[in-house]
C-alpha cells in the first residue's frame, strides 16, 4: 500500500518544514499559520508547539516509516531529504526552539508514531 499526498494539507507540511529549515523558530511559524487562518491538523484554529515539532521531525515526510509502523506501507516523500535534515539541524541550533522542547518532541516520537498528528495529509491507496 502507498500513501499519497493530499493537498492542501501536504502543502502546509512542506511550508512548515521549509520555514524551520530556513531558521524560522516554531513560535513564529505558528503565528504565521494562525495569522493566515490555516486550520490545525484536527481542524481547530490553534496550532501547538508539539504539533509543529512533530511534523518537522516526522520521517514519513521523506518517505521513511517510523519505528512502530508497518514497513510494507510506502510513503510518497513530501519534502527532499536535504530539506528535512536541514530542518532537524535548525531545531538543534541554539534558539531553534524553546528550552526543553526538543527533548519533549523526541520523547513523543519515541513513544509512538508522529505521523498520526497530521495523517490527513497522506491518503492510502492500494
PDB file of N, CA and C in Angstrom:
ATOM      1  N   UNK A   1       0.849  -1.174   0.000  1.00  0.00           N
ATOM      2  CA  UNK A   1       0.000   0.000   0.000  1.00  0.00           C
ATOM      3  C   UNK A   1       0.897   1.241   0.000  1.00  0.00           C
ATOM      4  N   UNK A   2       0.484   2.262  -0.723  1.00  0.00           N
ATOM      5  CA  UNK A   2       1.245   3.509  -0.807  1.00  0.00           C
ATOM      6  C   UNK A   2       0.410   4.657  -0.279  1.00  0.00           C
ATOM      7  N   UNK A   3       1.052   5.533   0.474  1.00  0.00           N
ATOM      8  CA  UNK A   3       0.408   6.744   0.971  1.00  0.00           C
ATOM      9  C   UNK A   3       0.746   7.871  -0.007  1.00  0.00           C
ATOM     10  N   UNK A   4      -0.273   8.556  -0.510  1.00  0.00           N
ATOM     11  CA  UNK A   4      -0.056   9.659  -1.431  1.00  0.00           C
ATOM     12  C   UNK A   4      -0.423  10.979  -0.761  1.00  0.00           C
ATOM     13  N   UNK A   5       0.239  12.079  -1.144  1.00  0.00           N
ATOM     14  CA  UNK A   5      -0.059  13.388  -0.547  1.00  0.00           C
ATOM     15  C   UNK A   5      -1.484  13.836  -0.851  1.00  0.00           C
ATOM     16  N   UNK A   6      -2.081  14.510   0.103  1.00  0.00           N
ATOM     17  CA  UNK A   6      -3.396  15.114  -0.051  1.00  0.00           C
ATOM     18  C   UNK A   6      -3.223  16.614   0.160  1.00  0.00           C
ATOM     19  N   UNK A   7      -3.561  17.376  -0.851  1.00  0.00           N
ATOM     20  CA  UNK A   7      -3.470  18.835  -0.734  1.00  0.00           C
ATOM     21  C   UNK A   7      -4.797  19.358  -0.192  1.00  0.00           C
ATOM     22  N   UNK A   8      -4.837  20.458   0.525  1.00  0.00           N
ATOM     23  CA  UNK A   8      -3.760  21.399   0.797  1.00  0.00           C
ATOM     24  C   UNK A   8      -2.931  21.053   2.035  1.00  0.00           C
ATOM     25  N   UNK A   9      -3.306  19.995   2.776  1.00  0.00           N
ATOM     26  CA  UNK A   9      -2.575  19.652   3.996  1.00  0.00           C
ATOM     27  C   UNK A   9      -1.099  19.369   3.720  1.00  0.00           C
ATOM     28  N   UNK A  10      -0.800  18.685   2.625  1.00  0.00           N
ATOM     29  CA  UNK A  10       0.593  18.377   2.299  1.00  0.00           C
ATOM     30  C   UNK A  10       1.385  19.659   2.057  1.00  0.00           C
ATOM     31  N   UNK A  11       0.739  20.660   1.478  1.00  0.00           N
ATOM     32  CA  UNK A  11       1.400  21.945   1.255  1.00  0.00           C
ATOM     33  C   UNK A  11       1.758  22.632   2.560  1.00  0.00           C
ATOM     34  N   UNK A  12       0.903  22.473   3.557  1.00  0.00           N
ATOM     35  CA  UNK A  12       1.182  23.061   4.873  1.00  0.00           C
ATOM     36  C   UNK A  12       2.383  22.355   5.505  1.00  0.00           C
ATOM     37  N   UNK A  13       2.456  21.047   5.374  1.00  0.00           N
ATOM     38  CA  UNK A  13       3.600  20.299   5.896  1.00  0.00           C
ATOM     39  C   UNK A  13       4.882  20.773   5.214  1.00  0.00           C
ATOM     40  N   UNK A  14       4.836  20.901   3.890  1.00  0.00           N
ATOM     41  CA  UNK A  14       6.019  21.377   3.150  1.00  0.00           C
ATOM     42  C   UNK A  14       6.436  22.764   3.637  1.00  0.00           C
ATOM     43  N   UNK A  15       5.457  23.644   3.820  1.00  0.00           N
ATOM     44  CA  UNK A  15       5.752  25.007   4.276  1.00  0.00           C
ATOM     45  C   UNK A  15       6.394  25.001   5.663  1.00  0.00           C
ATOM     46  N   UNK A  16       5.848  24.229   6.577  1.00  0.00           N
ATOM     47  CA  UNK A  16       6.372  24.178   7.943  1.00  0.00           C
ATOM     48  C   UNK A  16       7.822  23.701   7.935  1.00  0.00           C
ATOM     49  N   UNK A  17       8.090  22.600   7.253  1.00  0.00           N
ATOM     50  CA  UNK A  17       9.446  22.053   7.222  1.00  0.00           C
ATOM     51  C   UNK A  17      10.398  23.036   6.542  1.00  0.00           C
ATOM     52  N   UNK A  18       9.966  23.649   5.482  1.00  0.00           N
ATOM     53  CA  UNK A  18      10.801  24.617   4.774  1.00  0.00           C
ATOM     54  C   UNK A  18      11.130  25.827   5.640  1.00  0.00           C
ATOM     55  N   UNK A  19      10.132  26.364   6.328  1.00  0.00           N
ATOM     56  CA  UNK A  19      10.363  27.540   7.183  1.00  0.00           C
ATOM     57  C   UNK A  19      11.341  27.221   8.309  1.00  0.00           C
ATOM     58  N   UNK A  20      11.177  26.062   8.931  1.00  0.00           N
ATOM     59  CA  UNK A  20      12.080  25.679  10.014  1.00  0.00           C
ATOM     60  C   UNK A  20      13.490  25.454   9.458  1.00  0.00           C
ATOM     61  N   UNK A  21      13.590  24.824   8.283  1.00  0.00           N
ATOM     62  CA  UNK A  21      14.908  24.600   7.668  1.00  0.00           C
ATOM     63  C   UNK A  21      15.609  25.919   7.371  1.00  0.00           C
ATOM     64  N   UNK A  22      14.833  26.963   7.103  1.00  0.00           N
ATOM     65  CA  UNK A  22      15.399  28.287   6.830  1.00  0.00           C
ATOM     66  C   UNK A  22      15.736  29.044   8.110  1.00  0.00           C
ATOM     67  N   UNK A  23      15.487  28.410   9.255  1.00  0.00           N
ATOM     68  CA  UNK A  23      15.864  29.012  10.528  1.00  0.00           C
ATOM     69  C   UNK A  23      14.747  29.718  11.268  1.00  0.00           C
ATOM     70  N   UNK A  24      13.528  29.618  10.767  1.00  0.00           N
ATOM     71  CA  UNK A  24      12.410  30.256  11.452  1.00  0.00           C
ATOM     72  C   UNK A  24      12.045  29.436  12.692  1.00  0.00           C
ATOM     73  N   UNK A  25      11.881  30.097  13.819  1.00  0.00           N
ATOM     74  CA  UNK A  25      11.534  29.424  15.069  1.00  0.00           C
ATOM     75  C   UNK A  25      10.075  28.952  15.020  1.00  0.00           C
ATOM     76  N   UNK A  26       9.810  27.857  15.719  1.00  0.00           N
ATOM     77  CA  UNK A  26       8.467  27.283  15.728  1.00  0.00           C
ATOM     78  C   UNK A  26       7.404  28.285  16.172  1.00  0.00           C
ATOM     79  N   UNK A  27       7.622  29.089  17.223  1.00  0.00           N
ATOM     80  CA  UNK A  27       6.575  30.049  17.595  1.00  0.00           C
ATOM     81  C   UNK A  27       6.237  31.036  16.462  1.00  0.00           C
ATOM     82  N   UNK A  28       7.231  31.412  15.682  1.00  0.00           N
ATOM     83  CA  UNK A  28       6.974  32.315  14.556  1.00  0.00           C
ATOM     84  C   UNK A  28       6.178  31.593  13.463  1.00  0.00           C
ATOM     85  N   UNK A  29       6.505  30.343  13.198  1.00  0.00           N
ATOM     86  CA  UNK A  29       5.751  29.553  12.224  1.00  0.00           C
ATOM     87  C   UNK A  29       4.292  29.468  12.669  1.00  0.00           C
ATOM     88  N   UNK A  30       4.079  29.208  13.957  1.00  0.00           N
ATOM     89  CA  UNK A  30       2.718  29.110  14.497  1.00  0.00           C
ATOM     90  C   UNK A  30       1.966  30.429  14.311  1.00  0.00           C
ATOM     91  N   UNK A  31       2.616  31.543  14.652  1.00  0.00           N
ATOM     92  CA  UNK A  31       1.952  32.847  14.488  1.00  0.00           C
ATOM     93  C   UNK A  31       1.542  33.096  13.044  1.00  0.00           C
ATOM     94  N   UNK A  32       2.401  32.741  12.109  1.00  0.00           N
ATOM     95  CA  UNK A  32       2.080  32.954  10.700  1.00  0.00           C
ATOM     96  C   UNK A  32       0.930  32.063  10.232  1.00  0.00           C
ATOM     97  N   UNK A  33       0.948  30.791  10.630  1.00  0.00           N
ATOM     98  CA  UNK A  33      -0.138  29.885  10.249  1.00  0.00           C
ATOM     99  C   UNK A  33      -1.471  30.369  10.820  1.00  0.00           C
ATOM    100  N   UNK A  34      -1.471  30.692  12.100  1.00  0.00           N
ATOM    101  CA  UNK A  34      -2.709  31.156  12.739  1.00  0.00           C
ATOM    102  C   UNK A  34      -3.148  32.496  12.173  1.00  0.00           C
ATOM    103  N   UNK A  35      -2.176  33.362  11.859  1.00  0.00           N
ATOM    104  CA  UNK A  35      -2.500  34.673  11.295  1.00  0.00           C
ATOM    105  C   UNK A  35      -3.190  34.575   9.945  1.00  0.00           C
ATOM    106  N   UNK A  36      -2.861  33.536   9.192  1.00  0.00           N
ATOM    107  CA  UNK A  36      -3.490  33.320   7.883  1.00  0.00           C
ATOM    108  C   UNK A  36      -4.745  32.466   7.991  1.00  0.00           C
ATOM    109  N   UNK A  37      -5.045  31.994   9.195  1.00  0.00           N
ATOM    110  CA  UNK A  37      -6.241  31.170   9.377  1.00  0.00           C
ATOM    111  C   UNK A  37      -6.087  29.745   8.877  1.00  0.00           C
ATOM    112  N   UNK A  38      -4.850  29.245   8.809  1.00  0.00           N
ATOM    113  CA  UNK A  38      -4.616  27.860   8.381  1.00  0.00           C
ATOM    114  C   UNK A  38      -5.083  26.940   9.500  1.00  0.00           C
ATOM    115  N   UNK A  39      -6.025  26.037   9.213  1.00  0.00           N
ATOM    116  CA  UNK A  39      -6.512  25.157  10.275  1.00  0.00           C
ATOM    117  C   UNK A  39      -5.445  24.181  10.742  1.00  0.00           C
ATOM    118  N   UNK A  40      -5.436  23.924  12.044  1.00  0.00           N
ATOM    119  CA  UNK A  40      -4.534  22.938  12.636  1.00  0.00           C
ATOM    120  C   UNK A  40      -4.971  21.544  12.179  1.00  0.00           C
ATOM    121  N   UNK A  41      -4.136  20.532  12.381  1.00  0.00           N
ATOM    122  CA  UNK A  41      -4.450  19.184  11.891  1.00  0.00           C
ATOM    123  C   UNK A  41      -5.823  18.647  12.286  1.00  0.00           C
ATOM    124  N   UNK A  42      -6.282  18.984  13.451  1.00  0.00           N
ATOM    125  CA  UNK A  42      -7.597  18.477  13.869  1.00  0.00           C
ATOM    126  C   UNK A  42      -8.709  19.466  13.547  1.00  0.00           C
ATOM    127  N   UNK A  43      -8.400  20.473  12.742  1.00  0.00           N
ATOM    128  CA  UNK A  43      -9.425  21.388  12.262  1.00  0.00           C
ATOM    129  C   UNK A  43      -9.604  22.656  13.056  1.00  0.00           C
ATOM    130  N   UNK A  44      -9.003  22.761  14.218  1.00  0.00           N
ATOM    131  CA  UNK A  44      -9.146  23.961  15.038  1.00  0.00           C
ATOM    132  C   UNK A  44      -8.264  25.095  14.546  1.00  0.00           C
ATOM    133  N   UNK A  45      -8.445  26.280  15.106  1.00  0.00           N
ATOM    134  CA  UNK A  45      -7.675  27.436  14.667  1.00  0.00           C
ATOM    135  C   UNK A  45      -6.298  27.556  15.329  1.00  0.00           C
ATOM    136  N   UNK A  46      -6.050  26.810  16.418  1.00  0.00           N
ATOM    137  CA  UNK A  46      -4.818  26.965  17.198  1.00  0.00           C
ATOM    138  C   UNK A  46      -3.836  25.835  16.903  1.00  0.00           C
ATOM    139  N   UNK A  47      -2.593  26.220  16.636  1.00  0.00           N
ATOM    140  CA  UNK A  47      -1.503  25.282  16.450  1.00  0.00           C
ATOM    141  C   UNK A  47      -0.720  25.195  17.748  1.00  0.00           C
ATOM    142  N   UNK A  48      -0.166  24.038  18.062  1.00  0.00           N
ATOM    143  CA  UNK A  48       0.671  23.901  19.255  1.00  0.00           C
ATOM    144  C   UNK A  48       2.120  23.660  18.840  1.00  0.00           C
ATOM    145  N   UNK A  49       3.027  23.986  19.773  1.00  0.00           N
ATOM    146  CA  UNK A  49       4.450  23.755  19.512  1.00  0.00           C
ATOM    147  C   UNK A  49       4.687  22.284  19.214  1.00  0.00           C
ATOM    148  N   UNK A  50       4.074  21.393  19.994  1.00  0.00           N
ATOM    149  CA  UNK A  50       4.339  19.964  19.826  1.00  0.00           C
ATOM    150  C   UNK A  50       3.858  19.440  18.476  1.00  0.00           C
ATOM    151  N   UNK A  51       2.746  19.941  17.978  1.00  0.00           N
ATOM    152  CA  UNK A  51       2.254  19.502  16.663  1.00  0.00           C
ATOM    153  C   UNK A  51       3.236  19.922  15.568  1.00  0.00           C
ATOM    154  N   UNK A  52       3.670  21.174  15.603  1.00  0.00           N
ATOM    155  CA  UNK A  52       4.610  21.654  14.586  1.00  0.00           C
ATOM    156  C   UNK A  52       5.936  20.897  14.695  1.00  0.00           C
ATOM    157  N   UNK A  53       6.428  20.700  15.898  1.00  0.00           N
ATOM    158  CA  UNK A  53       7.666  19.952  16.098  1.00  0.00           C
ATOM    159  C   UNK A  53       7.545  18.523  15.574  1.00  0.00           C
ATOM    160  N   UNK A  54       6.429  17.876  15.860  1.00  0.00           N
ATOM    161  CA  UNK A  54       6.220  16.507  15.385  1.00  0.00           C
ATOM    162  C   UNK A  54       6.206  16.453  13.858  1.00  0.00           C
ATOM    163  N   UNK A  55       5.611  17.449  13.228  1.00  0.00           N
ATOM    164  CA  UNK A  55       5.595  17.499  11.769  1.00  0.00           C
ATOM    165  C   UNK A  55       7.014  17.617  11.239  1.00  0.00           C
ATOM    166  N   UNK A  56       7.791  18.529  11.816  1.00  0.00           N
ATOM    167  CA  UNK A  56       9.164  18.753  11.348  1.00  0.00           C
ATOM    168  C   UNK A  56      10.023  17.512  11.532  1.00  0.00           C
ATOM    169  N   UNK A  57       9.803  16.753  12.572  1.00  0.00           N
ATOM    170  CA  UNK A  57      10.651  15.600  12.899  1.00  0.00           C
ATOM    171  C   UNK A  57      10.142  14.279  12.318  1.00  0.00           C
ATOM    172  N   UNK A  58       9.046  14.286  11.630  1.00  0.00           N
ATOM    173  CA  UNK A  58       8.411  13.055  11.173  1.00  0.00           C
ATOM    174  C   UNK A  58       9.072  12.509   9.901  1.00  0.00           C
ATOM    175  N   UNK A  59       9.741  11.344   9.981  1.00  0.00           N
ATOM    176  CA  UNK A  59      10.413  10.798   8.796  1.00  0.00           C
ATOM    177  C   UNK A  59       9.458  10.349   7.694  1.00  0.00           C
ATOM    178  N   UNK A  60       8.175  10.235   7.984  1.00  0.00           N
ATOM    179  CA  UNK A  60       7.219   9.865   6.936  1.00  0.00           C
ATOM    180  C   UNK A  60       7.216  10.894   5.813  1.00  0.00           C
ATOM    181  N   UNK A  61       7.561  12.138   6.132  1.00  0.00           N
ATOM    182  CA  UNK A  61       7.513  13.183   5.118  1.00  0.00           C
ATOM    183  C   UNK A  61       8.686  13.134   4.154  1.00  0.00           C
ATOM    184  N   UNK A  62       9.654  12.228   4.396  1.00  0.00           N
ATOM    185  CA  UNK A  62      10.697  11.947   3.413  1.00  0.00           C
ATOM    186  C   UNK A  62      10.557  10.500   2.921  1.00  0.00           C
ATOM    187  N   UNK A  63       9.412   9.904   3.187  1.00  0.00           N
ATOM    188  CA  UNK A  63       9.127   8.561   2.701  1.00  0.00           C
ATOM    189  C   UNK A  63       9.638   7.431   3.563  1.00  0.00           C
ATOM    190  N   UNK A  64      10.018   7.739   4.812  1.00  0.00           N
ATOM    191  CA  UNK A  64      10.545   6.705   5.719  1.00  0.00           C
ATOM    192  C   UNK A  64       9.518   6.417   6.817  1.00  0.00           C
ATOM    193  N   UNK A  65       9.299   5.142   7.142  1.00  0.00           N
ATOM    194  CA  UNK A  65       8.373   4.826   8.233  1.00  0.00           C
ATOM    195  C   UNK A  65       9.006   5.095   9.593  1.00  0.00           C
ATOM    196  N   UNK A  66       8.165   5.378  10.577  1.00  0.00           N
ATOM    197  CA  UNK A  66       8.631   5.442  11.963  1.00  0.00           C
ATOM    198  C   UNK A  66       8.903   4.019  12.428  1.00  0.00           C
ATOM    199  N   UNK A  67       9.561   3.884  13.555  1.00  0.00           N
ATOM    200  CA  UNK A  67       9.954   2.572  14.085  1.00  0.00           C
ATOM    201  C   UNK A  67       8.749   1.657  14.279  1.00  0.00           C
ATOM    202  N   UNK A  68       7.630   2.194  14.762  1.00  0.00           N
ATOM    203  CA  UNK A  68       6.465   1.376  15.094  1.00  0.00           C
ATOM    204  C   UNK A  68       5.535   1.116  13.917  1.00  0.00           C
ATOM    205  N   UNK A  69       5.882   1.589  12.738  1.00  0.00           N
ATOM    206  CA  UNK A  69       4.971   1.489  11.602  1.00  0.00           C
ATOM    207  C   UNK A  69       5.274   0.272  10.745  1.00  0.00           C
ATOM    208  N   UNK A  70       4.272  -0.170  10.053  1.00  0.00           N
ATOM    209  CA  UNK A  70       4.377  -1.302   9.146  1.00  0.00           C
ATOM    210  C   UNK A  70       5.250  -0.899   7.960  1.00  0.00           C
ATOM    211  N   UNK A  71       6.359  -1.589   7.772  1.00  0.00           N
ATOM    212  CA  UNK A  71       7.290  -1.235   6.700  1.00  0.00           C
ATOM    213  C   UNK A  71       6.769  -1.621   5.324  1.00  0.00           C
ATOM    214  N   UNK A  72       5.651  -2.336   5.265  1.00  0.00           N
ATOM    215  CA  UNK A  72       5.063  -2.673   3.966  1.00  0.00           C
ATOM    216  C   UNK A  72       4.314  -1.485   3.371  1.00  0.00           C
ATOM    217  N   UNK A  73       4.086  -0.444   4.190  1.00  0.00           N
ATOM    218  CA  UNK A  73       3.418   0.757   3.714  1.00  0.00           C
ATOM    219  C   UNK A  73       4.483   1.724   3.228  1.00  0.00           C
ATOM    220  N   UNK A  74       4.297   2.242   2.038  1.00  0.00           N
ATOM    221  CA  UNK A  74       5.254   3.196   1.469  1.00  0.00           C
ATOM    222  C   UNK A  74       4.632   4.589   1.454  1.00  0.00           C
ATOM    223  N   UNK A  75       5.463   5.583   1.688  1.00  0.00           N
ATOM    224  CA  UNK A  75       5.018   6.969   1.664  1.00  0.00           C
ATOM    225  C   UNK A  75       5.661   7.687   0.507  1.00  0.00           C
ATOM    226  N   UNK A  76       4.875   8.471  -0.197  1.00  0.00           N
ATOM    227  CA  UNK A  76       5.446   9.356  -1.212  1.00  0.00           C
ATOM    228  C   UNK A  76       6.079  10.522  -0.456  1.00  0.00           C
ATOM    229  N   UNK A  77       7.363  10.790  -0.656  1.00  0.00           N
ATOM    230  CA  UNK A  77       8.007  11.892   0.077  1.00  0.00           C
ATOM    231  C   UNK A  77       7.338  13.229  -0.231  1.00  0.00           C
ATOM    232  N   UNK A  78       7.152  14.031   0.818  1.00  0.00           N
ATOM    233  CA  UNK A  78       6.601  15.371   0.641  1.00  0.00           C
ATOM    234  C   UNK A  78       7.695  16.409   0.478  1.00  0.00           C
ATOM    235  N   UNK A  79       8.858  16.144   1.077  1.00  0.00           N
ATOM    236  CA  UNK A  79       9.972  17.085   1.004  1.00  0.00           C
ATOM    237  C   UNK A  79      11.245  16.308   0.690  1.00  0.00           C
ATOM    238  N   UNK A  80      12.222  16.974   0.069  1.00  0.00           N
ATOM    239  CA  UNK A  80      13.507  16.318  -0.161  1.00  0.00           C
ATOM    240  C   UNK A  80      14.220  16.036   1.160  1.00  0.00           C
ATOM    241  N   UNK A  81      15.001  14.979   1.180  1.00  0.00           N
ATOM    242  CA  UNK A  81      15.722  14.613   2.399  1.00  0.00           C
ATOM    243  C   UNK A  81      16.602  15.751   2.905  1.00  0.00           C
ATOM    244  N   UNK A  82      17.288  16.454   2.003  1.00  0.00           N
ATOM    245  CA  UNK A  82      18.184  17.536   2.422  1.00  0.00           C
ATOM    246  C   UNK A  82      17.412  18.608   3.185  1.00  0.00           C
ATOM    247  N   UNK A  83      16.239  18.982   2.700  1.00  0.00           N
ATOM    248  CA  UNK A  83      15.419  19.984   3.378  1.00  0.00           C
ATOM    249  C   UNK A  83      14.986  19.479   4.752  1.00  0.00           C
ATOM    250  N   UNK A  84      14.568  18.225   4.819  1.00  0.00           N
ATOM    251  CA  UNK A  84      14.156  17.617   6.086  1.00  0.00           C
ATOM    252  C   UNK A  84      15.295  17.663   7.106  1.00  0.00           C
ATOM    253  N   UNK A  85      16.494  17.259   6.685  1.00  0.00           N
ATOM    254  CA  UNK A  85      17.624  17.235   7.613  1.00  0.00           C
ATOM    255  C   UNK A  85      18.115  18.639   7.949  1.00  0.00           C
ATOM    256  N   UNK A  86      17.956  19.575   7.038  1.00  0.00           N
ATOM    257  CA  UNK A  86      18.255  20.978   7.356  1.00  0.00           C
ATOM    258  C   UNK A  86      17.335  21.469   8.473  1.00  0.00           C
ATOM    259  N   UNK A  87      16.072  21.063   8.421  1.00  0.00           N
ATOM    260  CA  UNK A  87      15.115  21.445   9.469  1.00  0.00           C
ATOM    261  C   UNK A  87      15.508  20.815  10.808  1.00  0.00           C
ATOM    262  N   UNK A  88      15.979  19.562  10.787  1.00  0.00           N
ATOM    263  CA  UNK A  88      16.409  18.920  12.033  1.00  0.00           C
ATOM    264  C   UNK A  88      17.565  19.687  12.658  1.00  0.00           C
ATOM    265  N   UNK A  89      18.536  20.060  11.816  1.00  0.00           N
ATOM    266  CA  UNK A  89      19.686  20.819  12.315  1.00  0.00           C
ATOM    267  C   UNK A  89      19.257  22.177  12.853  1.00  0.00           C
ATOM    268  N   UNK A  90      18.323  22.830  12.185  1.00  0.00           N
ATOM    269  CA  UNK A  90      17.856  24.144  12.639  1.00  0.00           C
ATOM    270  C   UNK A  90      17.217  24.044  14.023  1.00  0.00           C
ATOM    271  N   UNK A  91      16.494  22.968  14.291  1.00  0.00           N
ATOM    272  CA  UNK A  91      15.878  22.792  15.603  1.00  0.00           C
ATOM    273  C   UNK A  91      16.919  22.562  16.690  1.00  0.00           C
ATOM    274  N   UNK A  92      18.036  21.982  16.328  1.00  0.00           N
ATOM    275  CA  UNK A  92      19.072  21.694  17.313  1.00  0.00           C
ATOM    276  C   UNK A  92      19.953  22.898  17.615  1.00  0.00           C
ATOM    277  N   UNK A  93      19.929  23.918  16.763  1.00  0.00           N
ATOM    278  CA  UNK A  93      20.752  25.107  16.978  1.00  0.00           C
ATOM    279  C   UNK A  93      20.219  25.915  18.150  1.00  0.00           C
ATOM    280  N   UNK A  94      21.108  26.628  18.846  1.00  0.00           N
ATOM    281  CA  UNK A  94      20.645  27.496  19.930  1.00  0.00           C
ATOM    282  C   UNK A  94      19.612  28.491  19.396  1.00  0.00           C
ATOM    283  N   UNK A  95      18.513  28.601  20.116  1.00  0.00           N
ATOM    284  CA  UNK A  95      17.448  29.498  19.684  1.00  0.00           C
ATOM    285  C   UNK A  95      16.489  28.867  18.697  1.00  0.00           C
ATOM    286  N   UNK A  96      16.745  27.621  18.304  1.00  0.00           N
ATOM    287  CA  UNK A  96      15.878  26.962  17.340  1.00  0.00           C
ATOM    288  C   UNK A  96      14.545  26.558  17.919  1.00  0.00           C
ATOM    289  N   UNK A  97      14.506  26.394  19.239  1.00  0.00           N
ATOM    290  CA  UNK A  97      13.252  26.026  19.879  1.00  0.00           C
ATOM    291  C   UNK A  97      13.349  26.351  21.362  1.00  0.00           C
ATOM    292  N   UNK A  98      12.208  26.445  22.037  1.00  0.00           N
ATOM    293  CA  UNK A  98      12.224  26.761  23.458  1.00  0.00           C
ATOM    294  C   UNK A  98      12.974  25.700  24.269  1.00  0.00           C
ATOM    295  N   UNK A  99      13.531  26.111  25.387  1.00  0.00           N
ATOM    296  CA  UNK A  99      14.284  25.218  26.258  1.00  0.00           C
ATOM    297  C   UNK A  99      13.452  24.006  26.648  1.00  0.00           C
ATOM    298  N   UNK A 100      14.034  22.831  26.464  1.00  0.00           N
ATOM    299  CA  UNK A 100      13.369  21.591  26.842  1.00  0.00           C
ATOM    300  C   UNK A 100      12.443  21.041  25.787  1.00  0.00           C
ATOM    301  N   UNK A 101      12.007  21.838  24.850  1.00  0.00           N
ATOM    302  CA  UNK A 101      11.034  21.389  23.871  1.00  0.00           C
ATOM    303  C   UNK A 101      11.573  20.322  22.926  1.00  0.00           C
ATOM    304  N   UNK A 102      12.841  20.405  22.436  1.00  0.00           N
ATOM    305  CA  UNK A 102      13.298  19.352  21.537  1.00  0.00           C
ATOM    306  C   UNK A 102      13.260  17.979  22.187  1.00  0.00           C
ATOM    307  N   UNK A 103      13.677  17.882  23.425  1.00  0.00           N
ATOM    308  CA  UNK A 103      13.667  16.584  24.105  1.00  0.00           C
ATOM    309  C   UNK A 103      12.240  16.075  24.235  1.00  0.00           C
ATOM    310  N   UNK A 104      11.304  16.953  24.522  1.00  0.00           N
ATOM    311  CA  UNK A 104       9.910  16.558  24.642  1.00  0.00           C
ATOM    312  C   UNK A 104       9.391  16.033  23.315  1.00  0.00           C
ATOM    313  N   UNK A 105       9.718  16.725  22.215  1.00  0.00           N
ATOM    314  CA  UNK A 105       9.287  16.284  20.892  1.00  0.00           C
ATOM    315  C   UNK A 105       9.876  14.936  20.532  1.00  0.00           C
ATOM    316  N   UNK A 106      11.135  14.719  20.849  1.00  0.00           N
ATOM    317  CA  UNK A 106      11.758  13.433  20.572  1.00  0.00           C
ATOM    318  C   UNK A 106      11.139  12.332  21.415  1.00  0.00           C
ATOM    319  N   UNK A 107      10.809  12.648  22.661  1.00  0.00           N
ATOM    320  CA  UNK A 107      10.162  11.670  23.520  1.00  0.00           C
ATOM    321  C   UNK A 107       8.823  11.252  22.925  1.00  0.00           C
ATOM    322  N   UNK A 108       8.038  12.221  22.446  1.00  0.00           N
ATOM    323  CA  UNK A 108       6.758  11.889  21.835  1.00  0.00           C
ATOM    324  C   UNK A 108       6.938  10.974  20.636  1.00  0.00           C
ATOM    325  N   UNK A 109       7.945  11.273  19.807  1.00  0.00           N
ATOM    326  CA  UNK A 109       8.197  10.446  18.632  1.00  0.00           C
ATOM    327  C   UNK A 109       8.644   9.046  19.035  1.00  0.00           C
ATOM    328  N   UNK A 110       9.425   8.945  20.099  1.00  0.00           N
ATOM    329  CA  UNK A 110       9.914   7.646  20.539  1.00  0.00           C
ATOM    330  C   UNK A 110       8.786   6.788  21.103  1.00  0.00           C
ATOM    331  N   UNK A 111       7.776   7.436  21.675  1.00  0.00           N
ATOM    332  CA  UNK A 111       6.692   6.694  22.298  1.00  0.00           C
ATOM    333  C   UNK A 111       5.660   6.190  21.296  1.00  0.00           C
ATOM    334  N   UNK A 112       5.604   6.767  20.125  1.00  0.00           N
ATOM    335  CA  UNK A 112       4.619   6.326  19.155  1.00  0.00           C
ATOM    336  C   UNK A 112       4.784   7.065  17.847  1.00  0.00           C
ATOM    337  N   UNK A 113       4.041   6.662  16.847  1.00  0.00           N
ATOM    338  CA  UNK A 113       4.181   7.284  15.533  1.00  0.00           C
ATOM    339  C   UNK A 113       3.743   8.739  15.539  1.00  0.00           C
ATOM    340  N   UNK A 114       4.621   9.599  15.056  1.00  0.00           N
ATOM    341  CA  UNK A 114       4.320  11.030  14.989  1.00  0.00           C
ATOM    342  C   UNK A 114       3.378  11.351  13.853  1.00  0.00           C
ATOM    343  N   UNK A 115       3.390  10.537  12.815  1.00  0.00           N
ATOM    344  CA  UNK A 115       2.633  10.904  11.639  1.00  0.00           C
ATOM    345  C   UNK A 115       1.141  10.988  11.919  1.00  0.00           C
ATOM    346  N   UNK A 116       0.678  10.347  12.973  1.00  0.00           N
ATOM    347  CA  UNK A 116      -0.744  10.390  13.294  1.00  0.00           C
ATOM    348  C   UNK A 116      -1.241  11.785  13.585  1.00  0.00           C
ATOM    349  N   UNK A 117      -0.327  12.672  13.968  1.00  0.00           N
ATOM    350  CA  UNK A 117      -0.705  14.048  14.265  1.00  0.00           C
ATOM    351  C   UNK A 117      -1.222  14.737  13.020  1.00  0.00           C
ATOM    352  N   UNK A 118      -0.667  14.400  11.872  1.00  0.00           N
ATOM    353  CA  UNK A 118      -1.061  15.080  10.646  1.00  0.00           C
ATOM    354  C   UNK A 118      -1.310  14.064   9.545  1.00  0.00           C
ATOM    355  N   UNK A 119      -1.883  12.937   9.916  1.00  0.00           N
ATOM    356  CA  UNK A 119      -2.099  11.850   8.973  1.00  0.00           C
ATOM    357  C   UNK A 119      -3.021  12.246   7.834  1.00  0.00           C
ATOM    358  N   UNK A 120      -3.818  13.296   8.016  1.00  0.00           N
ATOM    359  CA  UNK A 120      -4.749  13.685   6.976  1.00  0.00           C
ATOM    360  C   UNK A 120      -4.056  14.202   5.732  1.00  0.00           C
ATOM    361  N   UNK A 121      -2.736  14.423   5.784  1.00  0.00           N
ATOM    362  CA  UNK A 121      -2.057  14.877   4.572  1.00  0.00           C
ATOM    363  C   UNK A 121      -1.570  13.707   3.742  1.00  0.00           C
ATOM    364  N   UNK A 122      -1.811  12.484   4.218  1.00  0.00           N
ATOM    365  CA  UNK A 122      -1.457  11.293   3.451  1.00  0.00           C
ATOM    366  C   UNK A 122      -2.712  10.461   3.243  1.00  0.00           C
ATOM    367  N   UNK A 123      -2.873   9.947   2.041  1.00  0.00           N
ATOM    368  CA  UNK A 123      -4.040   9.157   1.721  1.00  0.00           C
ATOM    369  C   UNK A 123      -3.580   7.778   1.273  1.00  0.00           C
ATOM    370  N   UNK A 124      -4.196   6.746   1.818  1.00  0.00           N
ATOM    371  CA  UNK A 124      -3.807   5.386   1.460  1.00  0.00           C
ATOM    372  C   UNK A 124      -4.401   5.007   0.116  1.00  0.00           C
ATOM    373  N   UNK A 125      -3.574   4.380  -0.723  1.00  0.00           N
ATOM    374  CA  UNK A 125      -4.031   3.820  -1.988  1.00  0.00           C
ATOM    375  C   UNK A 125      -3.425   2.452  -2.134  1.00  0.00           C
ATOM    376  N   UNK A 126      -4.133   1.538  -2.772  1.00  0.00           N
ATOM    377  CA  UNK A 126      -3.600   0.185  -2.931  1.00  0.00           C
ATOM    378  C   UNK A 126      -3.050   0.011  -4.328  1.00  0.00           C
TER     379      UNK A 126
END
